[in-house]
Amino acid sequence: MKLIYWISTSLIALFLLWSSYSYMFSKATIDGVKELGFPDFFRIQLAILKILAILILIIPQVPLQIKEWAYAGIGLFFITAIVAHIAHKDSIFISLINIVFIGLLILSHMYLHKILKI
């Protein structure tokens, strides 16, 4: 059970880390966020919040209630990304990737609770 939790959580963390990095340093991503209609401060805010979410998820000593808020925030990010990309008429592939990560997020959350009940 712990292996499934850590694999799913690590994949989410790696994706969020890559996303945060690209939000801050990739010209294509920075321009893409602007094209979606989001202000520049929102891009920076999201990058910082994603880093915080990673830390919250991977540090075992963080209280469960805080982890629950992180899961909710990450889920909201993925849902917002899907809506934004559909509204912008981007490739369906981008939305499918976000749906896969929603599935991984749910898997991570489920296995976190299974591990804590042992």
Protein backbone atom coordinates (compact mmCIF):
# COMPACT_ATOMS: atom_id res chain seq x y z
CA MET A 1 0.00 0.00 0.00
CA LYS A 2 2.79 2.41 0.84
CA LEU A 3 4.37 1.78 -2.55
CA ILE A 4 1.20 2.79 -4.41
CA TYR A 5 0.87 5.88 -2.22
CA TRP A 6 4.46 6.99 -2.76
CA ILE A 7 4.47 6.30 -6.51
CA SER A 8 1.24 8.24 -7.10
CA THR A 9 2.28 11.05 -4.76
CA SER A 10 5.75 11.26 -6.31
CA LEU A 11 4.32 11.48 -9.83
CA ILE A 12 2.03 14.31 -8.74
CA ALA A 13 4.91 16.06 -6.97
CA LEU A 14 7.18 15.74 -10.01
CA PHE A 15 4.49 17.11 -12.31
CA LEU A 16 3.83 20.03 -9.96
CA LEU A 17 7.56 20.72 -9.68
CA TRP A 18 7.96 20.73 -13.46
CA SER A 19 4.86 22.92 -13.78
CA SER A 20 6.16 25.40 -11.17
CA TYR A 21 9.51 25.58 -12.89
CA SER A 22 7.93 26.18 -16.29
CA TYR A 23 5.57 28.82 -14.85
CA MET A 24 8.60 30.75 -13.62
CA PHE A 25 11.24 30.18 -16.31
CA SER A 26 9.70 28.94 -19.58
CA LYS A 27 8.83 31.73 -21.99
CA ALA A 28 6.39 29.46 -23.83
CA THR A 29 4.53 28.63 -20.61
CA ILE A 30 4.55 32.24 -19.43
CA ASP A 31 3.10 33.33 -22.79
CA GLY A 32 0.62 30.44 -22.70
CA VAL A 33 -0.70 31.47 -19.29
CA LYS A 34 -1.18 35.01 -20.61
CA GLU A 35 -3.00 33.65 -23.69
CA LEU A 36 -5.38 31.78 -21.39
CA GLY A 37 -6.31 35.17 -19.95
CA PHE A 38 -4.70 34.88 -16.53
CA PRO A 39 -2.78 37.85 -15.07
CA ASP A 40 0.96 37.51 -14.50
CA PHE A 41 0.70 37.60 -10.70
CA PHE A 42 -1.58 34.54 -10.86
CA ARG A 43 1.11 32.54 -12.67
CA ILE A 44 3.65 33.36 -9.95
CA GLN A 45 1.12 32.66 -7.20
CA LEU A 46 0.32 29.26 -8.71
CA ALA A 47 4.01 28.36 -8.98
CA ILE A 48 4.57 29.15 -5.30
CA LEU A 49 1.42 27.33 -4.19
CA LYS A 50 2.43 24.25 -6.15
CA ILE A 51 5.81 24.17 -4.38
CA LEU A 52 4.04 24.47 -1.02
CA ALA A 53 1.65 21.66 -2.00
CA ILE A 54 4.58 19.41 -2.91
CA LEU A 55 6.18 19.98 0.49
CA ILE A 56 2.90 19.37 2.29
CA LEU A 57 2.29 16.09 0.45
CA ILE A 58 5.77 14.61 0.76
CA ILE A 59 6.62 15.55 4.35
CA PRO A 60 5.09 12.81 6.52
CA GLN A 61 4.95 14.97 9.67
CA VAL A 62 2.50 17.44 8.16
CA PRO A 63 -0.91 17.08 9.88
CA LEU A 64 -3.64 15.31 7.93
CA GLN A 65 -5.94 18.35 7.85
CA ILE A 66 -3.28 20.40 6.08
CA LYS A 67 -2.68 17.54 3.63
CA GLU A 68 -6.42 17.48 2.91
CA TRP A 69 -6.32 21.18 2.01
CA ALA A 70 -3.35 20.53 -0.28
CA TYR A 71 -5.22 17.71 -2.05
CA ALA A 72 -8.23 20.01 -2.51
CA GLY A 73 -6.05 22.82 -3.87
CA ILE A 74 -4.25 20.53 -6.29
CA GLY A 75 -7.56 19.09 -7.46
CA LEU A 76 -8.88 22.59 -8.02
CA PHE A 77 -5.77 23.42 -10.03
CA PHE A 78 -6.31 20.43 -12.33
CA ILE A 79 -10.02 21.19 -12.79
CA THR A 80 -9.29 24.87 -13.50
CA ALA A 81 -6.61 23.85 -16.00
CA ILE A 82 -9.08 21.60 -17.82
CA VAL A 83 -11.71 24.35 -18.01
CA ALA A 84 -9.16 26.96 -19.15
CA HIS A 85 -7.72 24.74 -21.88
CA ILE A 86 -11.15 23.69 -23.16
CA ALA A 87 -12.29 27.33 -23.22
CA HIS A 88 -9.11 28.25 -25.11
CA LYS A 89 -9.82 25.36 -27.55
CA ASP A 90 -6.45 23.73 -26.87
CA SER A 91 -5.68 20.13 -27.76
CA ILE A 92 -7.81 17.55 -25.94
CA PHE A 93 -4.49 15.88 -25.04
CA ILE A 94 -3.81 18.60 -22.45
CA SER A 95 -7.15 17.93 -20.77
CA LEU A 96 -6.55 14.18 -20.84
CA ILE A 97 -3.21 14.65 -19.07
CA ASN A 98 -4.98 16.69 -16.38
CA ILE A 99 -7.64 13.98 -16.02
CA VAL A 100 -4.91 11.35 -15.57
CA PHE A 101 -3.35 13.48 -12.83
CA ILE A 102 -6.74 13.88 -11.15
CA GLY A 103 -6.88 10.08 -11.09
CA LEU A 104 -3.39 9.90 -9.57
CA LEU A 105 -4.39 12.53 -7.02
CA ILE A 106 -7.44 10.47 -6.01
CA LEU A 107 -5.29 7.33 -5.81
CA SER A 108 -2.73 9.12 -3.62
CA HIS A 109 -5.48 10.44 -1.35
CA MET A 110 -7.15 7.03 -1.02
CA TYR A 111 -3.90 5.28 -0.17
CA LEU A 112 -2.89 7.95 2.31
CA HIS A 113 -6.04 7.13 4.27
CA LYS A 114 -5.44 3.37 3.91
CA ILE A 115 -1.91 3.79 5.27
CA LEU A 116 -3.10 5.89 8.22
CA LYS A 117 -5.73 3.27 9.20
CA ILE A 118 -3.10 0.55 9.60
